[in-house]
Amino acid sequence: MKTLLLLIGILFCTQGYAQKYYTKTGQIDFEASVPAFEPVKASHKTVTALLDANSGEIAILSLMKGFRFRNALMEEHFNENYMESDTYPKAVFKGTVIDFSKEGLDNNKSFTVKGTLTLHGKTKDVEAVLDVKMVANTLVLKTTFSVAPEEFDIEIPGVVSEKISDKILITADFTLVEK
């Protein structure tokens, strides 16, 4: 909770006039499935995202226990054994949308977003393509990128390693309203 308040403070308490956009209902999906095995995928529909439209600064906060799996046992293993959600309760992305401008957003426009992803106690640089579109005074942001579990010291036991992909596909979808 303190991290969320800090992120809000950083993005909303800057000097001068800035257009701020936010959501508390963003969605992140991930998939780590491999063919011939049960799908390994989850969805989180209450992700917080903040964007300063003047500077392009963006921050995203996701509580790990918010991910929902089709299989309750898989969700339990995700939180207890892999993500250790009690010890590492959140994932945080802080970065910048490079050369962000609201001009021409009536159609999809692609930007590069660069920043750091902190997950499972490790922070790594991330770069992805971010598609942005203005729809009825809201900003719709979509991105897809992948990470490897070992980059964040997430150990996959040998007994299930063949059932989980070595690259985790992450898809994010946010509809941000002006603050």
C-alpha atoms as a PDB file:
ATOM      1  CA  MET A   1       0.000   0.000   0.000  1.00  0.00           C
ATOM      2  CA  LYS A   2       2.875   2.367   0.770  1.00  0.00           C
ATOM      3  CA  THR A   3       4.338   1.750  -2.692  1.00  0.00           C
ATOM      4  CA  LEU A   4       1.006   2.580  -4.332  1.00  0.00           C
ATOM      5  CA  LEU A   5       0.766   5.827  -2.386  1.00  0.00           C
ATOM      6  CA  LEU A   6       4.356   6.680  -3.302  1.00  0.00           C
ATOM      7  CA  LEU A   7       3.685   6.058  -7.003  1.00  0.00           C
ATOM      8  CA  ILE A   8       0.567   8.205  -6.869  1.00  0.00           C
ATOM      9  CA  GLY A   9       2.500  10.934  -5.061  1.00  0.00           C
ATOM     10  CA  ILE A  10       5.338  10.912  -7.576  1.00  0.00           C
ATOM     11  CA  LEU A  11       3.079  11.133 -10.601  1.00  0.00           C
ATOM     12  CA  PHE A  12       0.398  13.433  -9.225  1.00  0.00           C
ATOM     13  CA  CYS A  13       2.413  15.878  -7.127  1.00  0.00           C
ATOM     14  CA  THR A  14       4.768  17.249  -9.772  1.00  0.00           C
ATOM     15  CA  GLN A  15       5.176  20.963 -10.276  1.00  0.00           C
ATOM     16  CA  GLY A  16       3.228  22.764 -12.988  1.00  0.00           C
ATOM     17  CA  TYR A  17       0.230  21.649 -15.011  1.00  0.00           C
ATOM     18  CA  ALA A  18       0.360  18.098 -16.211  1.00  0.00           C
ATOM     19  CA  GLN A  19      -2.242  15.865 -17.764  1.00  0.00           C
ATOM     20  CA  LYS A  20      -2.487  12.741 -15.652  1.00  0.00           C
ATOM     21  CA  TYR A  21      -4.340   9.588 -16.623  1.00  0.00           C
ATOM     22  CA  TYR A  22      -5.003   6.600 -14.385  1.00  0.00           C
ATOM     23  CA  THR A  23      -6.925   3.402 -13.872  1.00  0.00           C
ATOM     24  CA  LYS A  24      -7.461   0.922 -11.066  1.00  0.00           C
ATOM     25  CA  THR A  25      -9.073  -1.606 -13.397  1.00  0.00           C
ATOM     26  CA  GLY A  26      -6.251  -2.393 -15.788  1.00  0.00           C
ATOM     27  CA  GLN A  27      -5.777  -5.963 -16.918  1.00  0.00           C
ATOM     28  CA  ILE A  28      -2.629  -8.052 -17.126  1.00  0.00           C
ATOM     29  CA  ASP A  29      -2.689 -11.581 -18.513  1.00  0.00           C
ATOM     30  CA  PHE A  30       0.187 -13.986 -18.649  1.00  0.00           C
ATOM     31  CA  GLU A  31       0.668 -17.327 -20.284  1.00  0.00           C
ATOM     32  CA  ALA A  32       3.403 -19.884 -19.743  1.00  0.00           C
ATOM     33  CA  SER A  33       1.750 -22.825 -21.493  1.00  0.00           C
ATOM     34  CA  VAL A  34       3.464 -25.494 -23.531  1.00  0.00           C
ATOM     35  CA  PRO A  35       1.726 -27.794 -26.026  1.00  0.00           C
ATOM     36  CA  ALA A  36       0.221 -31.085 -24.761  1.00  0.00           C
ATOM     37  CA  PHE A  37      -0.034 -29.920 -21.138  1.00  0.00           C
ATOM     38  CA  GLU A  38      -2.644 -28.080 -19.098  1.00  0.00           C
ATOM     39  CA  PRO A  39      -2.678 -24.351 -19.931  1.00  0.00           C
ATOM     40  CA  VAL A  40      -0.665 -22.225 -17.519  1.00  0.00           C
ATOM     41  CA  LYS A  41      -2.281 -18.815 -17.676  1.00  0.00           C
ATOM     42  CA  ALA A  42      -3.830 -16.237 -15.404  1.00  0.00           C
ATOM     43  CA  SER A  43      -5.516 -12.866 -15.478  1.00  0.00           C
ATOM     44  CA  HIS A  44      -5.494  -9.878 -13.118  1.00  0.00           C
ATOM     45  CA  LYS A  45      -8.248  -7.287 -13.607  1.00  0.00           C
ATOM     46  CA  THR A  46      -7.514  -4.732 -10.863  1.00  0.00           C
ATOM     47  CA  VAL A  47      -4.110  -3.386 -11.862  1.00  0.00           C
ATOM     48  CA  THR A  48      -3.289   0.275 -11.145  1.00  0.00           C
ATOM     49  CA  ALA A  49      -1.646   2.323 -13.896  1.00  0.00           C
ATOM     50  CA  LEU A  50      -0.686   6.012 -13.967  1.00  0.00           C
ATOM     51  CA  LEU A  51       0.528   8.059 -16.944  1.00  0.00           C
ATOM     52  CA  ASP A  52       1.752  11.647 -17.105  1.00  0.00           C
ATOM     53  CA  ALA A  53       0.830  12.667 -20.667  1.00  0.00           C
ATOM     54  CA  ASN A  54       3.272  15.617 -20.628  1.00  0.00           C
ATOM     55  CA  SER A  55       6.414  13.720 -19.610  1.00  0.00           C
ATOM     56  CA  GLY A  56       5.474  10.203 -20.723  1.00  0.00           C
ATOM     57  CA  GLU A  57       6.248   8.834 -17.263  1.00  0.00           C
ATOM     58  CA  ILE A  58       4.285   5.676 -16.517  1.00  0.00           C
ATOM     59  CA  ALA A  59       3.929   3.499 -13.428  1.00  0.00           C
ATOM     60  CA  ILE A  60       2.057   0.217 -13.047  1.00  0.00           C
ATOM     61  CA  LEU A  61       1.368  -1.714  -9.845  1.00  0.00           C
ATOM     62  CA  SER A  62       0.035  -5.262  -9.704  1.00  0.00           C
ATOM     63  CA  LEU A  63      -0.569  -7.226  -6.510  1.00  0.00           C
ATOM     64  CA  MET A  64       0.534 -10.813  -7.124  1.00  0.00           C
ATOM     65  CA  LYS A  65      -2.384 -12.385  -5.282  1.00  0.00           C
ATOM     66  CA  GLY A  66      -4.736 -10.699  -7.764  1.00  0.00           C
ATOM     67  CA  PHE A  67      -3.919 -13.171 -10.551  1.00  0.00           C
ATOM     68  CA  ARG A  68      -6.730 -15.651 -11.138  1.00  0.00           C
ATOM     69  CA  PHE A  69      -6.198 -19.078 -12.649  1.00  0.00           C
ATOM     70  CA  ARG A  70      -8.768 -21.507 -13.969  1.00  0.00           C
ATOM     71  CA  ASN A  71      -7.372 -24.099 -11.565  1.00  0.00           C
ATOM     72  CA  ALA A  72      -7.345 -23.162  -7.842  1.00  0.00           C
ATOM     73  CA  LEU A  73      -4.424 -25.488  -7.075  1.00  0.00           C
ATOM     74  CA  MET A  74      -2.351 -23.836  -9.817  1.00  0.00           C
ATOM     75  CA  GLU A  75      -3.147 -20.436  -8.268  1.00  0.00           C
ATOM     76  CA  GLU A  76      -2.041 -21.697  -4.852  1.00  0.00           C
ATOM     77  CA  HIS A  77       1.250 -23.044  -6.252  1.00  0.00           C
ATOM     78  CA  PHE A  78       1.824 -19.774  -8.143  1.00  0.00           C
ATOM     79  CA  ASN A  79       1.473 -17.696  -4.967  1.00  0.00           C
ATOM     80  CA  GLU A  80       3.180 -20.016  -2.482  1.00  0.00           C
ATOM     81  CA  ASN A  81       5.892 -21.832  -4.437  1.00  0.00           C
ATOM     82  CA  TYR A  82       6.842 -19.726  -7.444  1.00  0.00           C
ATOM     83  CA  MET A  83       6.084 -16.060  -6.759  1.00  0.00           C
ATOM     84  CA  GLU A  84       6.289 -16.315  -2.959  1.00  0.00           C
ATOM     85  CA  SER A  85       3.555 -13.662  -2.849  1.00  0.00           C
ATOM     86  CA  ASP A  86       3.679 -13.189   0.915  1.00  0.00           C
ATOM     87  CA  THR A  87       7.358 -12.200   0.661  1.00  0.00           C
ATOM     88  CA  TYR A  88       7.109 -10.405  -2.722  1.00  0.00           C
ATOM     89  CA  PRO A  89       3.510  -9.131  -2.808  1.00  0.00           C
ATOM     90  CA  LYS A  90       3.672  -6.894  -5.876  1.00  0.00           C
ATOM     91  CA  ALA A  91       5.096  -6.310  -9.318  1.00  0.00           C
ATOM     92  CA  VAL A  92       5.973  -2.726 -10.243  1.00  0.00           C
ATOM     93  CA  PHE A  93       6.860  -1.202 -13.591  1.00  0.00           C
ATOM     94  CA  LYS A  94       8.287   2.338 -13.695  1.00  0.00           C
ATOM     95  CA  GLY A  95       9.298   3.864 -16.973  1.00  0.00           C
ATOM     96  CA  THR A  96       8.835   6.333 -19.775  1.00  0.00           C
ATOM     97  CA  VAL A  97       6.852   6.242 -22.994  1.00  0.00           C
ATOM     98  CA  ILE A  98       9.476   7.590 -25.386  1.00  0.00           C
ATOM     99  CA  ASP A  99       8.435  10.735 -27.329  1.00  0.00           C
ATOM    100  CA  PHE A 100       4.864  10.428 -26.060  1.00  0.00           C
ATOM    101  CA  SER A 101       2.392  12.879 -27.550  1.00  0.00           C
ATOM    102  CA  LYS A 102      -1.390  12.875 -27.619  1.00  0.00           C
ATOM    103  CA  GLU A 103      -1.293  14.168 -31.207  1.00  0.00           C
ATOM    104  CA  GLY A 104      -2.667  11.683 -33.728  1.00  0.00           C
ATOM    105  CA  LEU A 105      -4.083   9.267 -31.188  1.00  0.00           C
ATOM    106  CA  ASP A 106      -7.460   8.991 -32.948  1.00  0.00           C
ATOM    107  CA  ASN A 107      -5.899   5.964 -34.614  1.00  0.00           C
ATOM    108  CA  ASN A 108      -3.619   3.468 -32.944  1.00  0.00           C
ATOM    109  CA  LYS A 109      -0.142   4.880 -32.529  1.00  0.00           C
ATOM    110  CA  SER A 110       2.846   2.841 -31.398  1.00  0.00           C
ATOM    111  CA  PHE A 111       5.474   4.072 -28.957  1.00  0.00           C
ATOM    112  CA  THR A 112       8.463   2.468 -27.298  1.00  0.00           C
ATOM    113  CA  VAL A 113       8.179   2.188 -23.531  1.00  0.00           C
ATOM    114  CA  LYS A 114      11.359   1.699 -21.511  1.00  0.00           C
ATOM    115  CA  GLY A 115      11.679   1.172 -17.803  1.00  0.00           C
ATOM    116  CA  THR A 116      12.270  -1.272 -14.998  1.00  0.00           C
ATOM    117  CA  LEU A 117      10.138  -4.187 -13.901  1.00  0.00           C
ATOM    118  CA  THR A 118      10.484  -5.254 -10.282  1.00  0.00           C
ATOM    119  CA  LEU A 119       9.175  -8.757  -9.690  1.00  0.00           C
ATOM    120  CA  HIS A 120      10.007 -11.379  -7.069  1.00  0.00           C
ATOM    121  CA  GLY A 121      12.495  -8.967  -5.478  1.00  0.00           C
ATOM    122  CA  LYS A 122      14.529  -8.464  -8.677  1.00  0.00           C
ATOM    123  CA  THR A 123      14.575  -5.417 -10.952  1.00  0.00           C
ATOM    124  CA  LYS A 124      15.263  -5.749 -14.671  1.00  0.00           C
ATOM    125  CA  ASP A 125      15.197  -3.351 -17.614  1.00  0.00           C
ATOM    126  CA  VAL A 126      12.241  -3.860 -19.937  1.00  0.00           C
ATOM    127  CA  GLU A 127      11.523  -2.388 -23.350  1.00  0.00           C
ATOM    128  CA  ALA A 128       8.318  -2.988 -25.286  1.00  0.00           C
ATOM    129  CA  VAL A 129       6.040  -1.538 -27.941  1.00  0.00           C
ATOM    130  CA  LEU A 130       3.041   0.260 -26.471  1.00  0.00           C
ATOM    131  CA  ASP A 131      -0.017   0.821 -28.662  1.00  0.00           C
ATOM    132  CA  VAL A 132      -2.027   3.890 -27.625  1.00  0.00           C
ATOM    133  CA  LYS A 133      -5.369   5.176 -28.843  1.00  0.00           C
ATOM    134  CA  MET A 134      -7.596   8.014 -27.626  1.00  0.00           C
ATOM    135  CA  VAL A 135     -11.195   6.832 -27.247  1.00  0.00           C
ATOM    136  CA  ALA A 136     -13.807   9.267 -25.867  1.00  0.00           C
ATOM    137  CA  ASN A 137     -11.322  11.186 -23.665  1.00  0.00           C
ATOM    138  CA  THR A 138      -9.668   8.020 -22.377  1.00  0.00           C
ATOM    139  CA  LEU A 139      -6.285   6.597 -23.308  1.00  0.00           C
ATOM    140  CA  VAL A 140      -6.329   2.920 -24.260  1.00  0.00           C
ATOM    141  CA  LEU A 141      -2.906   1.307 -23.838  1.00  0.00           C
ATOM    142  CA  LYS A 142      -1.957  -2.199 -24.954  1.00  0.00           C
ATOM    143  CA  THR A 143       1.344  -4.036 -24.915  1.00  0.00           C
ATOM    144  CA  THR A 144       2.762  -7.530 -25.109  1.00  0.00           C
ATOM    145  CA  PHE A 145       6.228  -8.651 -24.068  1.00  0.00           C
ATOM    146  CA  SER A 146       7.912 -11.686 -22.547  1.00  0.00           C
ATOM    147  CA  VAL A 147      10.197 -12.396 -19.624  1.00  0.00           C
ATOM    148  CA  ALA A 148      12.041 -15.469 -18.460  1.00  0.00           C
ATOM    149  CA  PRO A 149      11.435 -16.789 -14.914  1.00  0.00           C
ATOM    150  CA  GLU A 150      15.173 -17.122 -14.237  1.00  0.00           C
ATOM    151  CA  GLU A 151      15.658 -13.379 -14.871  1.00  0.00           C
ATOM    152  CA  PHE A 152      13.715 -12.819 -11.642  1.00  0.00           C
ATOM    153  CA  ASP A 153      15.127 -15.791  -9.700  1.00  0.00           C
ATOM    154  CA  ILE A 154      11.841 -17.698 -10.011  1.00  0.00           C
ATOM    155  CA  GLU A 155      12.695 -21.362  -9.669  1.00  0.00           C
ATOM    156  CA  ILE A 156      10.690 -23.916 -11.629  1.00  0.00           C
ATOM    157  CA  PRO A 157      11.099 -27.408 -10.101  1.00  0.00           C
ATOM    158  CA  GLY A 158      12.390 -30.066 -12.471  1.00  0.00           C
ATOM    159  CA  VAL A 159       9.258 -32.179 -12.028  1.00  0.00           C
ATOM    160  CA  VAL A 160       7.109 -29.488 -13.726  1.00  0.00           C
ATOM    161  CA  SER A 161       9.734 -27.707 -15.850  1.00  0.00           C
ATOM    162  CA  GLU A 162       8.519 -29.393 -19.049  1.00  0.00           C
ATOM    163  CA  LYS A 163       4.969 -28.156 -18.348  1.00  0.00           C
ATOM    164  CA  ILE A 164       5.915 -24.469 -18.042  1.00  0.00           C
ATOM    165  CA  SER A 165       7.361 -22.365 -20.848  1.00  0.00           C
ATOM    166  CA  ASP A 166      10.798 -20.829 -20.400  1.00  0.00           C
ATOM    167  CA  LYS A 167       9.340 -17.524 -21.703  1.00  0.00           C
ATOM    168  CA  ILE A 168       6.310 -15.988 -19.998  1.00  0.00           C
ATOM    169  CA  LEU A 169       4.118 -13.991 -22.388  1.00  0.00           C
ATOM    170  CA  ILE A 170       2.648 -10.915 -20.686  1.00  0.00           C
ATOM    171  CA  THR A 171      -0.211  -8.908 -22.190  1.00  0.00           C
ATOM    172  CA  ALA A 172      -1.384  -5.660 -20.609  1.00  0.00           C
ATOM    173  CA  ASP A 173      -4.507  -3.654 -21.431  1.00  0.00           C
ATOM    174  CA  PHE A 174      -5.350  -0.368 -19.698  1.00  0.00           C
ATOM    175  CA  THR A 175      -8.086   2.212 -20.226  1.00  0.00           C
ATOM    176  CA  LEU A 176      -6.927   5.357 -18.437  1.00  0.00           C
ATOM    177  CA  VAL A 177      -9.153   8.297 -17.563  1.00  0.00           C
ATOM    178  CA  GLU A 178      -7.961  11.845 -17.001  1.00  0.00           C
ATOM    179  CA  LYS A 179      -7.333  12.753 -13.378  1.00  0.00           C
END
